[in-house]
Amino acid sequence: MTAGRSLCNSQRIFTVFVQVSVQRTYASKQSEKKKARAFVDWRRVSVEGGKGGNGCSAFIREFGRPFGGPGGGDGGSGGNIVIKANKRVKSLAKVKSIYKAENGSPGRNNSCHGKNASHTVIPVPVGTCIKENGNVVIDLERNGDAVVVAHGGLGGKGNQFFLSNEDKAPTLATAGESGEKCVLDLELRTIAHVGLVGFPNAGKSTLLRAISRAQPTVAAYPFTTLKPHVGIIQYEDFEQVAVADIPGLIRGAHLNKGLGHSFLRHIERCRFLLFVVDLSVREPWTQVDDLMYELEIYQSGLSSRPHAAVANKMDLPGTSEKLTLLQEHVDMPVIPISAKEGRDVGMVINHIRELYDRDMAQVANQKGETENQSHKKTVLLEW
């Protein structure tokens, strides 16, 4: 009888354990979906600085000083609205639509000035571009970059401020000023050296997995990637290059078809581009033409950045002939690989390093020329 009860209890415990494990797995999948949906790369924000505190109109009343003169203090200043880049923030999802800074405290009697309000800081990801009326205000490209987008109003003056030889007992006290108010557009643009550009289901995420430790979602259906993923390639000399997996583009992306503009803006910061071409389609070279066209129409000069084509899915039959036609059609280096099997992905890593070294040398030359010009100006001024 006892053995039968223990067996029954063990079966119940096992059943409960299975149910709990299934529920936890389901909850984890739901949380992953929520995290994927939580990525936001554009937000319109209304900001307003705090109002300054009012000045106080009062007179000193002390023992032995029945006419002590004016003693009203000034009001405190209103708080500012500050937008600051934080490397720990990855999305604009937690940025609210309206921000109002704290108001300054009013002045009090006995010459007590009001307290200045604390500032309101809005943390945003590194790479956030701030626009007002379509014009770029500032680009927060480094961690810790900050800008005051709405200043708080100054505090009002108490009546002691207006004491003069002509007026020994002023009663005038001014109100605090209102804070600045504006509407801003925040755009997140991914910061990376290399941008993987291609049509949906071309294998960009698989390639990023193969060349870095990034773990973007990979599936056999298009539009698997709904947000940019950045992976880091570390070379033997400890040099690191950031590679961004840009969500798939479609024809008409420059007209904001699909999620065109929200995807294309992430390419703007990339120093050079890799066009990931799907060799399983009928005419893969048309993908390169369409991608070049979409980039150039969206922003002039974007397609002329250093680039190369990565011919993916070489593991499929009949791709050798398409590769030959692709090499004849496009005027750029073509790297044949199979990202799924990891075949020849080292060629992509080496080519990325070549582009990176070439770009760094060009930046160093431009920096040297700028320093020489500034030195010449300094010499001329001293002369």
Protein backbone atom coordinates (compact mmCIF):
# COMPACT_ATOMS: atom_id res chain seq x y z
CA MET A 1 0.00 0.00 0.00
CA THR A 2 2.83 2.37 0.90
CA ALA A 3 4.69 1.55 -2.31
CA GLY A 4 1.58 2.27 -4.35
CA ARG A 5 1.14 5.68 -2.70
CA SER A 6 4.79 6.63 -3.30
CA LEU A 7 4.50 5.64 -6.97
CA CYS A 8 1.36 7.74 -7.33
CA ASN A 9 3.02 10.74 -5.66
CA SER A 10 6.07 10.44 -7.91
CA GLN A 11 3.83 10.42 -10.98
CA ARG A 12 2.07 13.56 -9.74
CA ILE A 13 5.40 15.30 -9.09
CA PHE A 14 6.63 14.34 -12.56
CA THR A 15 3.42 15.67 -14.14
CA VAL A 16 3.71 18.96 -12.26
CA PHE A 17 7.38 19.27 -13.24
CA VAL A 18 6.58 18.77 -16.93
CA GLN A 19 3.79 21.35 -16.80
CA VAL A 20 6.02 23.92 -15.07
CA SER A 21 8.87 23.37 -17.52
CA VAL A 22 6.52 23.76 -20.48
CA GLN A 23 5.05 26.95 -18.99
CA ARG A 24 8.54 28.37 -18.39
CA THR A 25 9.60 27.55 -21.96
CA TYR A 26 6.46 29.22 -23.30
CA ALA A 27 7.04 32.25 -21.06
CA SER A 28 10.65 32.55 -22.22
CA LYS A 29 9.53 32.47 -25.86
CA GLN A 30 6.92 35.13 -25.14
CA SER A 31 9.53 37.32 -23.43
CA GLU A 32 11.85 36.94 -26.43
CA LYS A 33 9.05 38.04 -28.75
CA LYS A 34 8.34 41.04 -26.52
CA LYS A 35 12.01 41.99 -26.54
CA ALA A 36 12.09 41.76 -30.34
CA ARG A 37 9.03 43.98 -30.61
CA ALA A 38 10.48 46.41 -28.07
CA PHE A 39 13.17 47.67 -30.45
CA VAL A 40 12.26 51.22 -31.54
CA ASP A 41 14.55 53.35 -33.70
CA TRP A 42 12.37 56.48 -34.07
CA ARG A 43 10.47 58.56 -31.56
CA ARG A 44 8.84 62.00 -31.59
CA VAL A 45 9.26 63.77 -28.26
CA SER A 46 7.77 66.97 -26.86
CA VAL A 47 10.09 68.57 -24.30
CA GLU A 48 9.57 71.57 -22.04
CA GLY A 49 11.93 73.12 -19.55
CA GLY A 50 10.75 73.87 -16.04
CA LYS A 51 9.27 77.22 -15.08
CA GLY A 52 11.32 79.48 -12.85
CA GLY A 53 10.07 80.11 -9.34
CA ASN A 54 8.36 83.40 -8.57
CA GLY A 55 10.14 86.10 -6.61
CA CYS A 56 8.86 86.95 -3.15
CA SER A 57 7.66 90.35 -1.98
CA ALA A 58 8.20 90.53 1.80
CA PHE A 59 9.75 92.75 4.46
CA ILE A 60 12.01 91.94 7.36
CA ARG A 61 10.17 91.80 10.67
CA GLU A 62 12.58 91.37 13.57
CA PHE A 63 12.66 92.50 17.18
CA GLY A 64 14.03 96.01 17.29
CA ARG A 65 13.70 96.43 13.50
CA PRO A 66 10.09 97.35 12.80
CA PHE A 67 11.13 98.75 9.43
CA GLY A 68 13.78 96.27 8.41
CA GLY A 69 13.48 96.83 4.72
CA PRO A 70 12.68 94.42 1.88
CA GLY A 71 13.56 90.77 2.42
CA GLY A 72 11.88 88.83 -0.41
CA GLY A 73 14.19 86.24 -2.03
CA ASP A 74 14.58 85.32 -5.69
CA GLY A 75 12.91 82.26 -7.23
CA GLY A 76 14.92 79.22 -8.27
CA SER A 77 15.62 78.37 -11.90
CA GLY A 78 13.59 75.70 -13.69
CA GLY A 79 15.16 72.40 -14.68
CA ASN A 80 16.66 71.68 -18.09
CA ILE A 81 15.82 68.77 -20.40
CA VAL A 82 19.04 66.93 -21.30
CA ILE A 83 19.41 64.11 -23.83
CA LYS A 84 22.45 61.93 -23.12
CA ALA A 85 23.93 58.99 -25.02
CA ASN A 86 24.30 55.83 -22.94
CA LYS A 87 26.00 52.71 -24.30
CA ARG A 88 23.80 50.49 -22.11
CA VAL A 89 20.62 51.70 -23.83
CA LYS A 90 19.93 49.79 -27.05
CA SER A 91 16.57 51.16 -28.15
CA LEU A 92 14.29 54.20 -27.98
CA ALA A 93 11.45 52.04 -26.65
CA LYS A 94 11.56 53.54 -23.14
CA VAL A 95 11.65 57.16 -24.32
CA LYS A 96 8.34 58.81 -23.46
CA SER A 97 6.42 61.13 -25.77
CA ILE A 98 6.26 64.10 -23.37
CA TYR A 99 8.87 65.40 -20.93
CA LYS A 100 8.32 68.31 -18.56
CA ALA A 101 11.16 69.36 -16.26
CA GLU A 102 10.59 70.36 -12.64
CA ASN A 103 9.76 73.97 -11.75
CA GLY A 104 11.99 76.10 -9.59
CA SER A 105 10.95 76.80 -6.01
CA PRO A 106 9.58 80.28 -5.17
CA GLY A 107 11.54 82.77 -3.10
CA ARG A 108 10.66 83.29 0.56
CA ASN A 109 10.96 85.97 3.20
CA ASN A 110 14.09 86.65 5.21
CA SER A 111 16.04 86.83 1.93
CA CYS A 112 15.68 83.09 1.26
CA HIS A 113 16.17 82.25 -2.40
CA GLY A 114 14.23 79.42 -3.98
CA LYS A 115 15.89 76.10 -4.81
CA ASN A 116 16.92 75.43 -8.40
CA ALA A 117 15.08 72.48 -9.92
CA SER A 118 16.97 69.32 -10.85
CA HIS A 119 17.52 68.56 -14.51
CA THR A 120 15.68 65.82 -16.40
CA VAL A 121 18.04 63.49 -18.27
CA ILE A 122 16.73 61.32 -21.14
CA PRO A 123 19.05 58.35 -21.82
CA VAL A 124 19.23 57.32 -25.47
CA PRO A 125 21.41 54.84 -27.40
CA VAL A 126 24.76 55.87 -28.83
CA GLY A 127 24.17 56.86 -32.45
CA THR A 128 20.95 58.80 -31.85
CA CYS A 129 20.39 61.73 -34.20
CA ILE A 130 18.26 64.61 -32.87
CA LYS A 131 16.23 66.59 -35.40
CA GLU A 132 13.97 69.63 -35.13
CA ASN A 133 11.72 70.54 -38.06
CA GLY A 134 13.68 68.12 -40.23
CA ASN A 135 17.04 69.75 -39.46
CA VAL A 136 19.76 67.90 -37.57
CA VAL A 137 20.41 69.53 -34.18
CA ILE A 138 23.17 67.18 -33.03
CA ASP A 139 24.45 63.65 -33.54
CA LEU A 140 25.28 61.74 -30.35
CA GLU A 141 28.02 59.48 -31.70
CA ARG A 142 29.95 58.71 -28.49
CA ASN A 143 29.02 57.38 -25.09
CA GLY A 144 28.42 60.27 -22.69
CA ASP A 145 27.61 62.87 -25.38
CA ALA A 146 24.88 65.13 -24.04
CA VAL A 147 22.94 68.19 -25.17
CA VAL A 148 20.46 70.51 -23.47
CA VAL A 149 17.40 70.56 -25.73
CA ALA A 150 15.15 72.74 -23.53
CA HIS A 151 16.47 75.23 -20.98
CA GLY A 152 14.52 75.95 -17.84
CA GLY A 153 13.23 79.43 -17.13
CA LEU A 154 15.08 81.82 -14.84
CA GLY A 155 13.65 82.52 -11.42
CA GLY A 156 11.83 85.76 -10.70
CA LYS A 157 13.40 88.54 -8.64
CA GLY A 158 12.31 89.26 -5.08
CA ASN A 159 11.55 92.78 -3.93
CA GLN A 160 14.96 93.13 -2.26
CA PHE A 161 16.48 93.13 -5.74
CA PHE A 162 14.72 96.40 -6.51
CA LEU A 163 16.03 98.23 -3.43
CA SER A 164 17.58 101.56 -4.45
CA ASN A 165 18.25 105.04 -3.10
CA GLU A 166 15.07 106.22 -4.77
CA ASP A 167 12.91 103.36 -3.46
CA LYS A 168 13.71 102.18 0.07
CA ALA A 169 10.65 99.95 0.37
CA PRO A 170 9.97 98.31 -3.02
CA THR A 171 6.99 96.00 -3.26
CA LEU A 172 7.67 94.79 -6.80
CA ALA A 173 8.53 91.10 -7.33
CA THR A 174 8.67 89.42 -10.73
CA ALA A 175 7.31 86.05 -11.80
CA GLY A 176 9.57 83.26 -12.99
CA GLU A 177 10.16 82.78 -16.71
CA SER A 178 8.65 79.90 -18.62
CA GLY A 179 10.93 77.13 -19.87
CA GLU A 180 11.76 76.49 -23.50
CA LYS A 181 9.46 74.16 -25.41
CA CYS A 182 10.01 72.22 -28.63
CA VAL A 183 9.17 69.02 -30.48
CA LEU A 184 12.07 66.76 -31.50
CA ASP A 185 12.49 63.68 -33.64
CA LEU A 186 14.93 61.08 -32.32
CA GLU A 187 16.40 58.71 -34.90
CA LEU A 188 18.62 55.80 -33.98
CA ARG A 189 21.25 54.97 -36.58
CA THR A 190 23.35 51.89 -35.99
CA ILE A 191 27.07 52.58 -35.63
CA ALA A 192 29.19 49.98 -37.44
CA HIS A 193 32.12 49.85 -39.83
CA VAL A 194 30.49 47.35 -42.20
CA GLY A 195 26.87 47.08 -43.27
CA LEU A 196 25.45 43.80 -44.62
CA VAL A 197 22.89 44.86 -47.22
CA GLY A 198 20.60 42.55 -49.15
CA PHE A 199 17.10 41.40 -49.92
CA PRO A 200 15.09 39.36 -47.39
CA ASN A 201 16.23 35.77 -46.88
CA ALA A 202 19.58 36.38 -48.62
CA GLY A 203 21.53 34.97 -45.66
CA LYS A 204 22.79 38.14 -43.96
CA SER A 205 22.03 36.91 -40.44
CA THR A 206 23.62 33.54 -41.16
CA LEU A 207 26.73 35.30 -42.44
CA LEU A 208 26.90 37.48 -39.34
CA ARG A 209 26.67 34.37 -37.16
CA ALA A 210 29.49 32.77 -39.17
CA ILE A 211 31.96 35.68 -38.91
CA SER A 212 31.20 36.91 -35.38
CA ARG A 213 29.68 35.84 -32.09
CA ALA A 214 26.41 37.66 -32.72
CA GLN A 215 23.30 35.48 -32.48
CA PRO A 216 20.57 37.00 -34.69
CA THR A 217 17.47 34.93 -35.40
CA VAL A 218 17.80 32.70 -38.47
CA ALA A 219 14.83 31.06 -40.19
CA ALA A 220 13.76 29.87 -43.64
CA TYR A 221 11.24 32.68 -44.17
CA PRO A 222 11.83 36.30 -45.27
CA PHE A 223 11.89 39.28 -42.88
CA THR A 224 13.26 37.20 -40.03
CA THR A 225 15.45 40.14 -39.01
CA LEU A 226 13.30 43.06 -37.87
CA LYS A 227 16.00 45.11 -36.15
CA PRO A 228 19.72 45.68 -36.80
CA HIS A 229 22.18 43.32 -35.14
CA VAL A 230 25.83 44.25 -34.63
CA GLY A 231 28.59 41.67 -34.38
CA ILE A 232 32.29 42.21 -33.64
CA ILE A 233 35.15 40.60 -35.56
CA GLN A 234 38.37 40.46 -33.53
CA TYR A 235 41.58 39.84 -35.47
CA GLU A 236 44.87 38.36 -34.29
CA ASP A 237 46.33 41.84 -33.67
CA PHE A 238 43.28 42.56 -31.40
CA GLU A 239 41.83 45.02 -33.90
CA GLN A 240 38.02 44.97 -33.74
CA VAL A 241 35.62 45.70 -36.60
CA ALA A 242 31.86 46.11 -36.09
CA VAL A 243 29.54 44.50 -38.65
CA ALA A 244 25.83 45.38 -38.81
CA ASP A 245 23.14 43.06 -40.13
CA ILE A 246 20.66 45.45 -41.73
CA PRO A 247 17.07 44.13 -42.08
CA GLY A 248 16.16 43.11 -45.63
CA LEU A 249 15.31 45.77 -48.19
CA ILE A 250 12.71 45.52 -50.94
CA ARG A 251 12.15 47.33 -54.22
CA GLY A 252 10.78 50.81 -53.52
CA ALA A 253 12.46 51.08 -50.11
CA HIS A 254 13.46 54.68 -50.91
CA LEU A 255 9.72 55.43 -51.18
CA ASN A 256 9.34 54.05 -47.64
CA LYS A 257 7.73 50.85 -48.88
CA GLY A 258 7.84 48.06 -46.35
CA LEU A 259 9.99 49.56 -43.60
CA GLY A 260 12.24 51.33 -46.08
CA HIS A 261 13.36 54.52 -44.34
CA SER A 262 13.60 52.92 -40.91
CA PHE A 263 16.00 50.32 -42.39
CA LEU A 264 17.93 52.59 -44.74
CA ARG A 265 18.86 55.09 -42.02
CA HIS A 266 20.98 52.41 -40.32
CA ILE A 267 23.21 52.21 -43.42
CA GLU A 268 24.12 55.91 -43.31
CA ARG A 269 26.84 55.46 -40.67
CA CYS A 270 28.48 52.39 -42.23
CA ARG A 271 31.91 53.14 -43.69
CA PHE A 272 31.66 50.37 -46.31
CA LEU A 273 29.03 47.92 -47.52
CA LEU A 274 28.79 44.24 -48.36
CA PHE A 275 25.95 43.32 -50.74
CA VAL A 276 24.79 39.81 -49.78
CA VAL A 277 23.46 38.19 -52.97
CA ASP A 278 21.22 35.12 -53.01
CA LEU A 279 22.48 32.79 -55.76
CA SER A 280 19.35 30.63 -55.55
CA VAL A 281 17.25 33.21 -57.43
CA ARG A 282 16.97 33.21 -61.20
CA GLU A 283 19.00 36.35 -61.94
CA PRO A 284 21.03 37.24 -58.83
CA TRP A 285 22.82 40.17 -60.48
CA THR A 286 19.53 42.12 -60.56
CA GLN A 287 19.64 42.19 -56.75
CA VAL A 288 22.88 44.19 -56.85
CA ASP A 289 21.40 46.64 -59.37
CA ASP A 290 18.25 47.12 -57.29
CA LEU A 291 20.19 47.60 -54.04
CA MET A 292 22.56 50.15 -55.60
CA TYR A 293 19.58 52.04 -57.03
CA GLU A 294 17.67 52.12 -53.73
CA LEU A 295 20.70 53.37 -51.80
CA GLU A 296 21.54 56.11 -54.31
CA ILE A 297 17.96 57.38 -54.52
CA TYR A 298 17.66 57.44 -50.73
CA GLN A 299 20.89 59.39 -50.25
CA SER A 300 23.21 60.58 -52.97
CA GLY A 301 26.69 59.06 -52.67
CA LEU A 302 25.60 56.19 -50.41
CA SER A 303 26.11 53.58 -53.13
CA SER A 304 29.59 54.92 -53.97
CA ARG A 305 31.07 53.94 -50.61
CA PRO A 306 33.62 51.10 -50.70
CA HIS A 307 31.69 47.91 -51.33
CA ALA A 308 31.85 44.29 -52.46
CA ALA A 309 29.41 41.53 -53.29
CA VAL A 310 29.11 38.34 -51.24
CA ALA A 311 27.63 35.55 -53.36
CA ASN A 312 25.89 33.34 -50.82
CA LYS A 313 24.38 29.82 -50.97
CA MET A 314 27.15 28.27 -53.05
CA ASP A 315 26.17 24.93 -51.49
CA LEU A 316 23.08 24.74 -53.72
CA PRO A 317 23.22 23.04 -57.15
CA GLY A 318 23.52 25.18 -60.29
CA THR A 319 25.10 28.19 -58.56
CA SER A 320 28.49 28.00 -60.31
CA GLU A 321 27.05 29.22 -63.62
CA LYS A 322 25.15 32.02 -61.87
CA LEU A 323 28.34 33.04 -60.06
CA THR A 324 30.16 33.42 -63.39
CA LEU A 325 27.35 35.59 -64.79
CA LEU A 326 27.30 37.65 -61.60
CA GLN A 327 31.05 38.32 -61.82
CA GLU A 328 30.65 39.41 -65.46
CA HIS A 329 27.76 41.72 -64.69
CA VAL A 330 28.84 43.65 -61.56
CA ASP A 331 31.80 46.00 -61.32
CA MET A 332 32.99 45.08 -57.85
CA PRO A 333 34.81 42.24 -56.06
CA VAL A 334 32.67 39.10 -55.71
CA ILE A 335 33.29 36.65 -52.85
CA PRO A 336 31.58 33.24 -53.26
CA ILE A 337 30.65 31.59 -49.94
CA SER A 338 28.21 29.30 -48.20
CA ALA A 339 27.31 30.98 -44.93
CA LYS A 340 25.20 27.99 -43.86
CA GLU A 341 28.14 25.57 -44.11
CA GLY A 342 30.77 28.18 -43.17
CA ARG A 343 32.56 27.63 -46.49
CA ASP A 344 35.05 30.38 -47.46
CA VAL A 345 33.73 32.86 -44.85
CA GLY A 346 37.39 33.53 -44.02
CA MET A 347 37.65 35.30 -47.37
CA VAL A 348 34.92 37.69 -46.23
CA ILE A 349 36.73 38.34 -42.94
CA ASN A 350 40.00 39.06 -44.78
CA HIS A 351 38.30 41.36 -47.28
CA ILE A 352 36.61 43.27 -44.46
CA ARG A 353 40.03 43.81 -42.88
CA GLU A 354 41.42 45.11 -46.19
CA LEU A 355 38.57 47.60 -46.49
CA TYR A 356 38.99 48.58 -42.84
CA ASP A 357 42.76 49.17 -43.12
CA ARG A 358 42.30 51.18 -46.30
CA ASP A 359 39.63 53.31 -44.67
CA MET A 360 41.72 53.89 -41.52
CA ALA A 361 44.69 54.98 -43.66
CA GLN A 362 42.48 57.43 -45.50
CA VAL A 363 41.13 58.84 -42.24
CA ALA A 364 44.69 59.23 -40.89
CA ASN A 365 45.75 61.10 -44.04
CA GLN A 366 42.78 63.45 -43.79
CA LYS A 367 43.55 64.06 -40.11
CA GLY A 368 47.19 64.83 -40.95
CA GLU A 369 46.20 67.29 -43.65
CA THR A 370 43.81 69.04 -41.26
CA GLU A 371 46.52 69.32 -38.58
CA ASN A 372 49.00 70.73 -41.14
CA GLN A 373 46.49 73.34 -42.27
CA SER A 374 45.75 74.38 -38.66
CA HIS A 375 49.49 74.59 -37.97
CA LYS A 376 49.99 76.88 -40.99
CA LYS A 377 47.18 79.15 -39.79
CA THR A 378 48.77 79.32 -36.32
CA VAL A 379 52.15 80.26 -37.81
CA LEU A 380 50.57 82.98 -39.93
CA LEU A 381 48.75 84.41 -36.92
CA GLU A 382 51.95 84.46 -34.85
CA TRP A 383 53.81 86.17 -37.69
